[in-house]
Amino acid sequence: SEPMGRKKRFYRHTPQQIQELEAMF
């Protein structure tokens, strides 16, 4: 949803968050 002209933002997740998301996926 970031506008094209603005610098893109990236969100880093912790290993625990990734593990929970993968399990749910």
mmCIF file of all heavy atoms, coordinates in Angstrom:
data_MODEL
# 
_entry.id   MODEL 
# 
loop_
_atom_site.group_PDB 
_atom_site.id 
_atom_site.type_symbol 
_atom_site.label_atom_id 
_atom_site.label_alt_id 
_atom_site.label_comp_id 
_atom_site.label_asym_id 
_atom_site.label_entity_id 
_atom_site.label_seq_id 
_atom_site.pdbx_PDB_ins_code 
_atom_site.Cartn_x 
_atom_site.Cartn_y 
_atom_site.Cartn_z 
_atom_site.occupancy 
_atom_site.B_iso_or_equiv 
_atom_site.pdbx_formal_charge 
_atom_site.auth_seq_id 
_atom_site.auth_comp_id 
_atom_site.auth_asym_id 
_atom_site.auth_atom_id 
_atom_site.pdbx_PDB_model_num 
ATOM 1   N N   . SER A 1 1  ? 0.814  -1.218  0.000  1.00 0.00 ? 1  SER A N   1 
ATOM 2   C CA  . SER A 1 1  ? 0.000  0.000   0.000  1.00 0.00 ? 1  SER A CA  1 
ATOM 3   C C   . SER A 1 1  ? 0.844  1.263   0.000  1.00 0.00 ? 1  SER A C   1 
ATOM 4   O O   . SER A 1 1  ? 0.314  2.366   -0.057 1.00 0.00 ? 1  SER A O   1 
ATOM 5   C CB  . SER A 1 1  ? -0.930 0.004   1.222  1.00 0.00 ? 1  SER A CB  1 
ATOM 6   O OG  . SER A 1 1  ? -0.159 0.036   2.416  1.00 0.00 ? 1  SER A OG  1 
ATOM 7   N N   . GLU A 1 2  ? 2.193  1.116   0.098  1.00 0.00 ? 2  GLU A N   1 
ATOM 8   C CA  . GLU A 1 2  ? 3.054  2.291   0.117  1.00 0.00 ? 2  GLU A CA  1 
ATOM 9   C C   . GLU A 1 2  ? 3.010  2.987   -1.243 1.00 0.00 ? 2  GLU A C   1 
ATOM 10  O O   . GLU A 1 2  ? 3.019  2.336   -2.285 1.00 0.00 ? 2  GLU A O   1 
ATOM 11  C CB  . GLU A 1 2  ? 4.503  1.878   0.421  1.00 0.00 ? 2  GLU A CB  1 
ATOM 12  C CG  . GLU A 1 2  ? 4.716  1.417   1.854  1.00 0.00 ? 2  GLU A CG  1 
ATOM 13  C CD  . GLU A 1 2  ? 4.625  2.564   2.846  1.00 0.00 ? 2  GLU A CD  1 
ATOM 14  O OE1 . GLU A 1 2  ? 4.791  3.717   2.425  1.00 0.00 ? 2  GLU A OE1 1 
ATOM 15  O OE2 . GLU A 1 2  ? 4.363  2.312   4.035  1.00 0.00 ? 2  GLU A OE2 1 
ATOM 16  N N   . PRO A 1 3  ? 2.977  4.312   -1.287 1.00 0.00 ? 3  PRO A N   1 
ATOM 17  C CA  . PRO A 1 3  ? 3.003  5.037   -2.569 1.00 0.00 ? 3  PRO A CA  1 
ATOM 18  C C   . PRO A 1 3  ? 4.279  4.724   -3.342 1.00 0.00 ? 3  PRO A C   1 
ATOM 19  O O   . PRO A 1 3  ? 5.318  4.430   -2.763 1.00 0.00 ? 3  PRO A O   1 
ATOM 20  C CB  . PRO A 1 3  ? 2.941  6.508   -2.153 1.00 0.00 ? 3  PRO A CB  1 
ATOM 21  C CG  . PRO A 1 3  ? 2.388  6.491   -0.760 1.00 0.00 ? 3  PRO A CG  1 
ATOM 22  C CD  . PRO A 1 3  ? 2.848  5.207   -0.128 1.00 0.00 ? 3  PRO A CD  1 
ATOM 23  N N   . MET A 1 4  ? 4.209  4.818   -4.708 1.00 0.00 ? 4  MET A N   1 
ATOM 24  C CA  . MET A 1 4  ? 5.329  4.436   -5.565 1.00 0.00 ? 4  MET A CA  1 
ATOM 25  C C   . MET A 1 4  ? 6.525  5.356   -5.367 1.00 0.00 ? 4  MET A C   1 
ATOM 26  O O   . MET A 1 4  ? 7.662  4.938   -5.497 1.00 0.00 ? 4  MET A O   1 
ATOM 27  C CB  . MET A 1 4  ? 4.884  4.470   -7.040 1.00 0.00 ? 4  MET A CB  1 
ATOM 28  C CG  . MET A 1 4  ? 3.819  3.427   -7.376 1.00 0.00 ? 4  MET A CG  1 
ATOM 29  S SD  . MET A 1 4  ? 4.424  1.759   -7.154 1.00 0.00 ? 4  MET A SD  1 
ATOM 30  C CE  . MET A 1 4  ? 5.660  1.714   -8.425 1.00 0.00 ? 4  MET A CE  1 
ATOM 31  N N   . GLY A 1 5  ? 6.290  6.621   -5.088 1.00 0.00 ? 5  GLY A N   1 
ATOM 32  C CA  . GLY A 1 5  ? 7.400  7.568   -4.978 1.00 0.00 ? 5  GLY A CA  1 
ATOM 33  C C   . GLY A 1 5  ? 8.134  7.512   -3.655 1.00 0.00 ? 5  GLY A C   1 
ATOM 34  O O   . GLY A 1 5  ? 9.223  8.049   -3.532 1.00 0.00 ? 5  GLY A O   1 
ATOM 35  N N   . ARG A 1 6  ? 7.543  6.897   -2.647 1.00 0.00 ? 6  ARG A N   1 
ATOM 36  C CA  . ARG A 1 6  ? 8.160  6.879   -1.320 1.00 0.00 ? 6  ARG A CA  1 
ATOM 37  C C   . ARG A 1 6  ? 9.031  5.656   -1.139 1.00 0.00 ? 6  ARG A C   1 
ATOM 38  O O   . ARG A 1 6  ? 8.872  4.641   -1.805 1.00 0.00 ? 6  ARG A O   1 
ATOM 39  C CB  . ARG A 1 6  ? 7.070  6.903   -0.241 1.00 0.00 ? 6  ARG A CB  1 
ATOM 40  C CG  . ARG A 1 6  ? 6.261  8.202   -0.251 1.00 0.00 ? 6  ARG A CG  1 
ATOM 41  C CD  . ARG A 1 6  ? 5.128  8.136   0.763  1.00 0.00 ? 6  ARG A CD  1 
ATOM 42  N NE  . ARG A 1 6  ? 5.643  7.878   2.110  1.00 0.00 ? 6  ARG A NE  1 
ATOM 43  C CZ  . ARG A 1 6  ? 4.859  7.724   3.177  1.00 0.00 ? 6  ARG A CZ  1 
ATOM 44  N NH1 . ARG A 1 6  ? 3.539  7.811   3.048  1.00 0.00 ? 6  ARG A NH1 1 
ATOM 45  N NH2 . ARG A 1 6  ? 5.386  7.490   4.358  1.00 0.00 ? 6  ARG A NH2 1 
ATOM 46  N N   . LYS A 1 7  ? 9.971  5.734   -0.218 1.00 0.00 ? 7  LYS A N   1 
ATOM 47  C CA  . LYS A 1 7  ? 10.845 4.615   0.062  1.00 0.00 ? 7  LYS A CA  1 
ATOM 48  C C   . LYS A 1 7  ? 10.058 3.480   0.686  1.00 0.00 ? 7  LYS A C   1 
ATOM 49  O O   . LYS A 1 7  ? 9.258  3.677   1.592  1.00 0.00 ? 7  LYS A O   1 
ATOM 50  C CB  . LYS A 1 7  ? 11.964 5.062   1.011  1.00 0.00 ? 7  LYS A CB  1 
ATOM 51  C CG  . LYS A 1 7  ? 13.025 3.998   1.227  1.00 0.00 ? 7  LYS A CG  1 
ATOM 52  C CD  . LYS A 1 7  ? 14.155 4.530   2.089  1.00 0.00 ? 7  LYS A CD  1 
ATOM 53  C CE  . LYS A 1 7  ? 15.223 3.463   2.307  1.00 0.00 ? 7  LYS A CE  1 
ATOM 54  N NZ  . LYS A 1 7  ? 16.318 3.959   3.143  1.00 0.00 ? 7  LYS A NZ  1 
ATOM 55  N N   . LYS A 1 8  ? 10.274 2.270   0.160  1.00 0.00 ? 8  LYS A N   1 
ATOM 56  C CA  . LYS A 1 8  ? 9.504  1.113   0.617  1.00 0.00 ? 8  LYS A CA  1 
ATOM 57  C C   . LYS A 1 8  ? 9.972  0.670   2.004  1.00 0.00 ? 8  LYS A C   1 
ATOM 58  O O   . LYS A 1 8  ? 11.163 0.668   2.300  1.00 0.00 ? 8  LYS A O   1 
ATOM 59  C CB  . LYS A 1 8  ? 9.651  -0.032  -0.386 1.00 0.00 ? 8  LYS A CB  1 
ATOM 60  C CG  . LYS A 1 8  ? 9.120  0.329   -1.773 1.00 0.00 ? 8  LYS A CG  1 
ATOM 61  C CD  . LYS A 1 8  ? 9.360  -0.797  -2.749 1.00 0.00 ? 8  LYS A CD  1 
ATOM 62  C CE  . LYS A 1 8  ? 8.850  -0.425  -4.139 1.00 0.00 ? 8  LYS A CE  1 
ATOM 63  N NZ  . LYS A 1 8  ? 9.084  -1.490  -5.112 1.00 0.00 ? 8  LYS A NZ  1 
ATOM 64  N N   . ARG A 1 9  ? 8.992  0.260   2.841  1.00 0.00 ? 9  ARG A N   1 
ATOM 65  C CA  . ARG A 1 9  ? 9.305  -0.192  4.202  1.00 0.00 ? 9  ARG A CA  1 
ATOM 66  C C   . ARG A 1 9  ? 9.183  -1.706  4.276  1.00 0.00 ? 9  ARG A C   1 
ATOM 67  O O   . ARG A 1 9  ? 8.260  -2.303  3.723  1.00 0.00 ? 9  ARG A O   1 
ATOM 68  C CB  . ARG A 1 9  ? 8.349  0.452   5.210  1.00 0.00 ? 9  ARG A CB  1 
ATOM 69  C CG  . ARG A 1 9  ? 8.531  1.967   5.333  1.00 0.00 ? 9  ARG A CG  1 
ATOM 70  C CD  . ARG A 1 9  ? 7.604  2.509   6.410  1.00 0.00 ? 9  ARG A CD  1 
ATOM 71  N NE  . ARG A 1 9  ? 6.205  2.263   6.065  1.00 0.00 ? 9  ARG A NE  1 
ATOM 72  C CZ  . ARG A 1 9  ? 5.196  2.404   6.919  1.00 0.00 ? 9  ARG A CZ  1 
ATOM 73  N NH1 . ARG A 1 9  ? 5.439  2.760   8.180  1.00 0.00 ? 9  ARG A NH1 1 
ATOM 74  N NH2 . ARG A 1 9  ? 3.959  2.182   6.536  1.00 0.00 ? 9  ARG A NH2 1 
ATOM 75  N N   . PHE A 1 10 ? 10.097 -2.330  4.950  1.00 0.00 ? 10 PHE A N   1 
ATOM 76  C CA  . PHE A 1 10 ? 10.082 -3.774  5.149  1.00 0.00 ? 10 PHE A CA  1 
ATOM 77  C C   . PHE A 1 10 ? 9.971  -4.057  6.655  1.00 0.00 ? 10 PHE A C   1 
ATOM 78  O O   . PHE A 1 10 ? 10.580 -3.365  7.478  1.00 0.00 ? 10 PHE A O   1 
ATOM 79  C CB  . PHE A 1 10 ? 11.367 -4.418  4.597  1.00 0.00 ? 10 PHE A CB  1 
ATOM 80  C CG  . PHE A 1 10 ? 11.457 -4.376  3.101  1.00 0.00 ? 10 PHE A CG  1 
ATOM 81  C CD1 . PHE A 1 10 ? 11.987 -3.259  2.462  1.00 0.00 ? 10 PHE A CD1 1 
ATOM 82  C CD2 . PHE A 1 10 ? 10.999 -5.428  2.325  1.00 0.00 ? 10 PHE A CD2 1 
ATOM 83  C CE1 . PHE A 1 10 ? 12.067 -3.201  1.101  1.00 0.00 ? 10 PHE A CE1 1 
ATOM 84  C CE2 . PHE A 1 10 ? 11.078 -5.381  0.951  1.00 0.00 ? 10 PHE A CE2 1 
ATOM 85  C CZ  . PHE A 1 10 ? 11.613 -4.267  0.343  1.00 0.00 ? 10 PHE A CZ  1 
ATOM 86  N N   . TYR A 1 11 ? 9.200  -5.088  6.982  1.00 0.00 ? 11 TYR A N   1 
ATOM 87  C CA  . TYR A 1 11 ? 8.984  -5.477  8.383  1.00 0.00 ? 11 TYR A CA  1 
ATOM 88  C C   . TYR A 1 11 ? 9.665  -6.814  8.624  1.00 0.00 ? 11 TYR A C   1 
ATOM 89  O O   . TYR A 1 11 ? 9.390  -7.798  7.943  1.00 0.00 ? 11 TYR A O   1 
ATOM 90  C CB  . TYR A 1 11 ? 7.487  -5.596  8.675  1.00 0.00 ? 11 TYR A CB  1 
ATOM 91  C CG  . TYR A 1 11 ? 6.728  -4.302  8.423  1.00 0.00 ? 11 TYR A CG  1 
ATOM 92  C CD1 . TYR A 1 11 ? 6.048  -4.111  7.234  1.00 0.00 ? 11 TYR A CD1 1 
ATOM 93  C CD2 . TYR A 1 11 ? 6.702  -3.292  9.383  1.00 0.00 ? 11 TYR A CD2 1 
ATOM 94  C CE1 . TYR A 1 11 ? 5.366  -2.934  6.992  1.00 0.00 ? 11 TYR A CE1 1 
ATOM 95  C CE2 . TYR A 1 11 ? 6.015  -2.111  9.145  1.00 0.00 ? 11 TYR A CE2 1 
ATOM 96  C CZ  . TYR A 1 11 ? 5.341  -1.931  7.955  1.00 0.00 ? 11 TYR A CZ  1 
ATOM 97  O OH  . TYR A 1 11 ? 4.669  -0.778  7.712  1.00 0.00 ? 11 TYR A OH  1 
ATOM 98  N N   . ARG A 1 12 ? 10.562 -6.826  9.607  1.00 0.00 ? 12 ARG A N   1 
ATOM 99  C CA  . ARG A 1 12 ? 11.289 -8.041  9.964  1.00 0.00 ? 12 ARG A CA  1 
ATOM 100 C C   . ARG A 1 12 ? 10.540 -8.766  11.080 1.00 0.00 ? 12 ARG A C   1 
ATOM 101 O O   . ARG A 1 12 ? 10.057 -8.158  12.023 1.00 0.00 ? 12 ARG A O   1 
ATOM 102 C CB  . ARG A 1 12 ? 12.699 -7.685  10.451 1.00 0.00 ? 12 ARG A CB  1 
ATOM 103 C CG  . ARG A 1 12 ? 13.451 -6.734  9.543  1.00 0.00 ? 12 ARG A CG  1 
ATOM 104 C CD  . ARG A 1 12 ? 13.742 -7.342  8.199  1.00 0.00 ? 12 ARG A CD  1 
ATOM 105 N NE  . ARG A 1 12 ? 14.636 -8.479  8.296  1.00 0.00 ? 12 ARG A NE  1 
ATOM 106 C CZ  . ARG A 1 12 ? 15.094 -9.170  7.259  1.00 0.00 ? 12 ARG A CZ  1 
ATOM 107 N NH1 . ARG A 1 12 ? 14.707 -8.821  6.033  1.00 0.00 ? 12 ARG A NH1 1 
ATOM 108 N NH2 . ARG A 1 12 ? 15.903 -10.190 7.429  1.00 0.00 ? 12 ARG A NH2 1 
ATOM 109 N N   . HIS A 1 13 ? 10.425 -10.064 10.956 1.00 0.00 ? 13 HIS A N   1 
ATOM 110 C CA  . HIS A 1 13 ? 9.760  -10.893 11.961 1.00 0.00 ? 13 HIS A CA  1 
ATOM 111 C C   . HIS A 1 13 ? 10.790 -11.709 12.724 1.00 0.00 ? 13 HIS A C   1 
ATOM 112 O O   . HIS A 1 13 ? 11.837 -12.081 12.187 1.00 0.00 ? 13 HIS A O   1 
ATOM 113 C CB  . HIS A 1 13 ? 8.754  -11.831 11.309 1.00 0.00 ? 13 HIS A CB  1 
ATOM 114 C CG  . HIS A 1 13 ? 7.696  -11.110 10.518 1.00 0.00 ? 13 HIS A CG  1 
ATOM 115 N ND1 . HIS A 1 13 ? 7.031  -10.012 11.000 1.00 0.00 ? 13 HIS A ND1 1 
ATOM 116 C CD2 . HIS A 1 13 ? 7.195  -11.349 9.280  1.00 0.00 ? 13 HIS A CD2 1 
ATOM 117 C CE1 . HIS A 1 13 ? 6.153  -9.591  10.104 1.00 0.00 ? 13 HIS A CE1 1 
ATOM 118 N NE2 . HIS A 1 13 ? 6.247  -10.384 9.036  1.00 0.00 ? 13 HIS A NE2 1 
ATOM 119 N N   . THR A 1 14 ? 10.435 -12.024 13.961 1.00 0.00 ? 14 THR A N   1 
ATOM 120 C CA  . THR A 1 14 ? 11.311 -12.846 14.793 1.00 0.00 ? 14 THR A CA  1 
ATOM 121 C C   . THR A 1 14 ? 11.147 -14.302 14.392 1.00 0.00 ? 14 THR A C   1 
ATOM 122 O O   . THR A 1 14 ? 10.139 -14.691 13.770 1.00 0.00 ? 14 THR A O   1 
ATOM 123 C CB  . THR A 1 14 ? 10.959 -12.675 16.273 1.00 0.00 ? 14 THR A CB  1 
ATOM 124 O OG1 . THR A 1 14 ? 9.631  -13.178 16.494 1.00 0.00 ? 14 THR A OG1 1 
ATOM 125 C CG2 . THR A 1 14 ? 11.023 -11.199 16.678 1.00 0.00 ? 14 THR A CG2 1 
ATOM 126 N N   . PRO A 1 15 ? 12.119 -15.147 14.724 1.00 0.00 ? 15 PRO A N   1 
ATOM 127 C CA  . PRO A 1 15 ? 11.989 -16.581 14.406 1.00 0.00 ? 15 PRO A CA  1 
ATOM 128 C C   . PRO A 1 15 ? 10.728 -17.203 15.012 1.00 0.00 ? 15 PRO A C   1 
ATOM 129 O O   . PRO A 1 15 ? 10.101 -18.073 14.390 1.00 0.00 ? 15 PRO A O   1 
ATOM 130 C CB  . PRO A 1 15 ? 13.262 -17.181 14.991 1.00 0.00 ? 15 PRO A CB  1 
ATOM 131 C CG  . PRO A 1 15 ? 14.252 -16.065 14.976 1.00 0.00 ? 15 PRO A CG  1 
ATOM 132 C CD  . PRO A 1 15 ? 13.463 -14.821 15.261 1.00 0.00 ? 15 PRO A CD  1 
ATOM 133 N N   . GLN A 1 16 ? 10.353 -16.768 16.235 1.00 0.00 ? 16 GLN A N   1 
ATOM 134 C CA  . GLN A 1 16 ? 9.148  -17.328 16.854 1.00 0.00 ? 16 GLN A CA  1 
ATOM 135 C C   . GLN A 1 16 ? 7.903  -16.939 16.055 1.00 0.00 ? 16 GLN A C   1 
ATOM 136 O O   . GLN A 1 16 ? 7.008  -17.769 15.844 1.00 0.00 ? 16 GLN A O   1 
ATOM 137 C CB  . GLN A 1 16 ? 9.036  -16.824 18.301 1.00 0.00 ? 16 GLN A CB  1 
ATOM 138 C CG  . GLN A 1 16 ? 7.806  -17.366 19.028 1.00 0.00 ? 16 GLN A CG  1 
ATOM 139 C CD  . GLN A 1 16 ? 7.675  -16.832 20.446 1.00 0.00 ? 16 GLN A CD  1 
ATOM 140 O OE1 . GLN A 1 16 ? 8.513  -16.039 20.879 1.00 0.00 ? 16 GLN A OE1 1 
ATOM 141 N NE2 . GLN A 1 16 ? 6.652  -17.267 21.157 1.00 0.00 ? 16 GLN A NE2 1 
ATOM 142 N N   . GLN A 1 17 ? 7.821  -15.683 15.601 1.00 0.00 ? 17 GLN A N   1 
ATOM 143 C CA  . GLN A 1 17 ? 6.673  -15.249 14.814 1.00 0.00 ? 17 GLN A CA  1 
ATOM 144 C C   . GLN A 1 17 ? 6.590  -16.034 13.502 1.00 0.00 ? 17 GLN A C   1 
ATOM 145 O O   . GLN A 1 17 ? 5.509  -16.471 13.086 1.00 0.00 ? 17 GLN A O   1 
ATOM 146 C CB  . GLN A 1 17 ? 6.778  -13.752 14.528 1.00 0.00 ? 17 GLN A CB  1 
ATOM 147 C CG  . GLN A 1 17 ? 6.579  -12.864 15.748 1.00 0.00 ? 17 GLN A CG  1 
ATOM 148 C CD  . GLN A 1 17 ? 6.861  -11.403 15.455 1.00 0.00 ? 17 GLN A CD  1 
ATOM 149 O OE1 . GLN A 1 17 ? 7.635  -11.095 14.544 1.00 0.00 ? 17 GLN A OE1 1 
ATOM 150 N NE2 . GLN A 1 17 ? 6.277  -10.502 16.239 1.00 0.00 ? 17 GLN A NE2 1 
ATOM 151 N N   . ILE A 1 18 ? 7.738  -16.220 12.845 1.00 0.00 ? 18 ILE A N   1 
ATOM 152 C CA  . ILE A 1 18 ? 7.747  -16.962 11.578 1.00 0.00 ? 18 ILE A CA  1 
ATOM 153 C C   . ILE A 1 18 ? 7.302  -18.394 11.792 1.00 0.00 ? 18 ILE A C   1 
ATOM 154 O O   . ILE A 1 18 ? 6.532  -18.961 11.007 1.00 0.00 ? 18 ILE A O   1 
ATOM 155 C CB  . ILE A 1 18 ? 9.157  -16.916 10.960 1.00 0.00 ? 18 ILE A CB  1 
ATOM 156 C CG1 . ILE A 1 18 ? 9.512  -15.470 10.579 1.00 0.00 ? 18 ILE A CG1 1 
ATOM 157 C CG2 . ILE A 1 18 ? 9.249  -17.823 9.738  1.00 0.00 ? 18 ILE A CG2 1 
ATOM 158 C CD1 . ILE A 1 18 ? 10.930 -15.295 10.108 1.00 0.00 ? 18 ILE A CD1 1 
ATOM 159 N N   . GLN A 1 19 ? 7.751  -19.012 12.892 1.00 0.00 ? 19 GLN A N   1 
ATOM 160 C CA  . GLN A 1 19 ? 7.376  -20.396 13.177 1.00 0.00 ? 19 GLN A CA  1 
ATOM 161 C C   . GLN A 1 19 ? 5.871  -20.520 13.370 1.00 0.00 ? 19 GLN A C   1 
ATOM 162 O O   . GLN A 1 19 ? 5.229  -21.448 12.847 1.00 0.00 ? 19 GLN A O   1 
ATOM 163 C CB  . GLN A 1 19 ? 8.132  -20.884 14.410 1.00 0.00 ? 19 GLN A CB  1 
ATOM 164 C CG  . GLN A 1 19 ? 7.884  -22.351 14.743 1.00 0.00 ? 19 GLN A CG  1 
ATOM 165 C CD  . GLN A 1 19 ? 8.704  -22.804 15.937 1.00 0.00 ? 19 GLN A CD  1 
ATOM 166 O OE1 . GLN A 1 19 ? 9.429  -22.010 16.547 1.00 0.00 ? 19 GLN A OE1 1 
ATOM 167 N NE2 . GLN A 1 19 ? 8.580  -24.071 16.277 1.00 0.00 ? 19 GLN A NE2 1 
ATOM 168 N N   . GLU A 1 20 ? 5.271  -19.580 14.103 1.00 0.00 ? 20 GLU A N   1 
ATOM 169 C CA  . GLU A 1 20 ? 3.830  -19.621 14.337 1.00 0.00 ? 20 GLU A CA  1 
ATOM 170 C C   . GLU A 1 20 ? 3.057  -19.379 13.032 1.00 0.00 ? 20 GLU A C   1 
ATOM 171 O O   . GLU A 1 20 ? 2.034  -20.023 12.766 1.00 0.00 ? 20 GLU A O   1 
ATOM 172 C CB  . GLU A 1 20 ? 3.452  -18.556 15.378 1.00 0.00 ? 20 GLU A CB  1 
ATOM 173 C CG  . GLU A 1 20 ? 3.989  -18.829 16.775 1.00 0.00 ? 20 GLU A CG  1 
ATOM 174 C CD  . GLU A 1 20 ? 3.303  -20.034 17.423 1.00 0.00 ? 20 GLU A CD  1 
ATOM 175 O OE1 . GLU A 1 20 ? 2.180  -20.384 17.009 1.00 0.00 ? 20 GLU A OE1 1 
ATOM 176 O OE2 . GLU A 1 20 ? 3.923  -20.640 18.326 1.00 0.00 ? 20 GLU A OE2 1 
ATOM 177 N N   . LEU A 1 21 ? 3.537  -18.452 12.210 1.00 0.00 ? 21 LEU A N   1 
ATOM 178 C CA  . LEU A 1 21 ? 2.861  -18.169 10.940 1.00 0.00 ? 21 LEU A CA  1 
ATOM 179 C C   . LEU A 1 21 ? 2.939  -19.364 9.987  1.00 0.00 ? 21 LEU A C   1 
ATOM 180 O O   . LEU A 1 21 ? 1.964  -19.706 9.296  1.00 0.00 ? 21 LEU A O   1 
ATOM 181 C CB  . LEU A 1 21 ? 3.477  -16.931 10.282 1.00 0.00 ? 21 LEU A CB  1 
ATOM 182 C CG  . LEU A 1 21 ? 3.201  -15.592 10.982 1.00 0.00 ? 21 LEU A CG  1 
ATOM 183 C CD1 . LEU A 1 21 ? 4.065  -14.496 10.380 1.00 0.00 ? 21 LEU A CD1 1 
ATOM 184 C CD2 . LEU A 1 21 ? 1.727  -15.220 10.871 1.00 0.00 ? 21 LEU A CD2 1 
ATOM 185 N N   . GLU A 1 22 ? 4.101  -20.020 9.944  1.00 0.00 ? 22 GLU A N   1 
ATOM 186 C CA  . GLU A 1 22 ? 4.259  -21.187 9.080  1.00 0.00 ? 22 GLU A CA  1 
ATOM 187 C C   . GLU A 1 22 ? 3.342  -22.322 9.525  1.00 0.00 ? 22 GLU A C   1 
ATOM 188 O O   . GLU A 1 22 ? 2.736  -23.013 8.697  1.00 0.00 ? 22 GLU A O   1 
ATOM 189 C CB  . GLU A 1 22 ? 5.722  -21.654 9.095  1.00 0.00 ? 22 GLU A CB  1 
ATOM 190 C CG  . GLU A 1 22 ? 6.693  -20.724 8.398  1.00 0.00 ? 22 GLU A CG  1 
ATOM 191 C CD  . GLU A 1 22 ? 6.603  -20.853 6.887  1.00 0.00 ? 22 GLU A CD  1 
ATOM 192 O OE1 . GLU A 1 22 ? 5.800  -21.653 6.393  1.00 0.00 ? 22 GLU A OE1 1 
ATOM 193 O OE2 . GLU A 1 22 ? 7.331  -20.107 6.198  1.00 0.00 ? 22 GLU A OE2 1 
ATOM 194 N N   . ALA A 1 23 ? 3.248  -22.505 10.839 1.00 0.00 ? 23 ALA A N   1 
ATOM 195 C CA  . ALA A 1 23 ? 2.370  -23.563 11.350 1.00 0.00 ? 23 ALA A CA  1 
ATOM 196 C C   . ALA A 1 23 ? 0.915  -23.288 10.992 1.00 0.00 ? 23 ALA A C   1 
ATOM 197 O O   . ALA A 1 23 ? 0.164  -24.197 10.597 1.00 0.00 ? 23 ALA A O   1 
ATOM 198 C CB  . ALA A 1 23 ? 2.543  -23.682 12.859 1.00 0.00 ? 23 ALA A CB  1 
ATOM 199 N N   . MET A 1 24 ? 0.506  -22.035 11.090 1.00 0.00 ? 24 MET A N   1 
ATOM 200 C CA  . MET A 1 24 ? -0.865 -21.681 10.733 1.00 0.00 ? 24 MET A CA  1 
ATOM 201 C C   . MET A 1 24 ? -1.103 -21.823 9.229  1.00 0.00 ? 24 MET A C   1 
ATOM 202 O O   . MET A 1 24 ? -2.182 -22.241 8.795  1.00 0.00 ? 24 MET A O   1 
ATOM 203 C CB  . MET A 1 24 ? -1.137 -20.234 11.180 1.00 0.00 ? 24 MET A CB  1 
ATOM 204 C CG  . MET A 1 24 ? -2.575 -19.778 10.935 1.00 0.00 ? 24 MET A CG  1 
ATOM 205 S SD  . MET A 1 24 ? -3.757 -20.801 11.866 1.00 0.00 ? 24 MET A SD  1 
ATOM 206 C CE  . MET A 1 24 ? -5.297 -20.118 11.249 1.00 0.00 ? 24 MET A CE  1 
ATOM 207 N N   . PHE A 1 25 ? -0.067 -21.501 8.407  1.00 0.00 ? 25 PHE A N   1 
ATOM 208 C CA  . PHE A 1 25 ? -0.214 -21.595 6.948  1.00 0.00 ? 25 PHE A CA  1 
ATOM 209 C C   . PHE A 1 25 ? -0.437 -23.034 6.497  1.00 0.00 ? 25 PHE A C   1 
ATOM 210 O O   . PHE A 1 25 ? -1.189 -23.297 5.549  1.00 0.00 ? 25 PHE A O   1 
ATOM 211 C CB  . PHE A 1 25 ? 1.031  -21.014 6.266  1.00 0.00 ? 25 PHE A CB  1 
ATOM 212 C CG  . PHE A 1 25 ? 0.927  -20.958 4.768  1.00 0.00 ? 25 PHE A CG  1 
ATOM 213 C CD1 . PHE A 1 25 ? 0.263  -19.913 4.143  1.00 0.00 ? 25 PHE A CD1 1 
ATOM 214 C CD2 . PHE A 1 25 ? 1.474  -21.961 3.983  1.00 0.00 ? 25 PHE A CD2 1 
ATOM 215 C CE1 . PHE A 1 25 ? 0.161  -19.855 2.767  1.00 0.00 ? 25 PHE A CE1 1 
ATOM 216 C CE2 . PHE A 1 25 ? 1.373  -21.917 2.615  1.00 0.00 ? 25 PHE A CE2 1 
ATOM 217 C CZ  . PHE A 1 25 ? 0.715  -20.858 2.001  1.00 0.00 ? 25 PHE A CZ  1 
# 
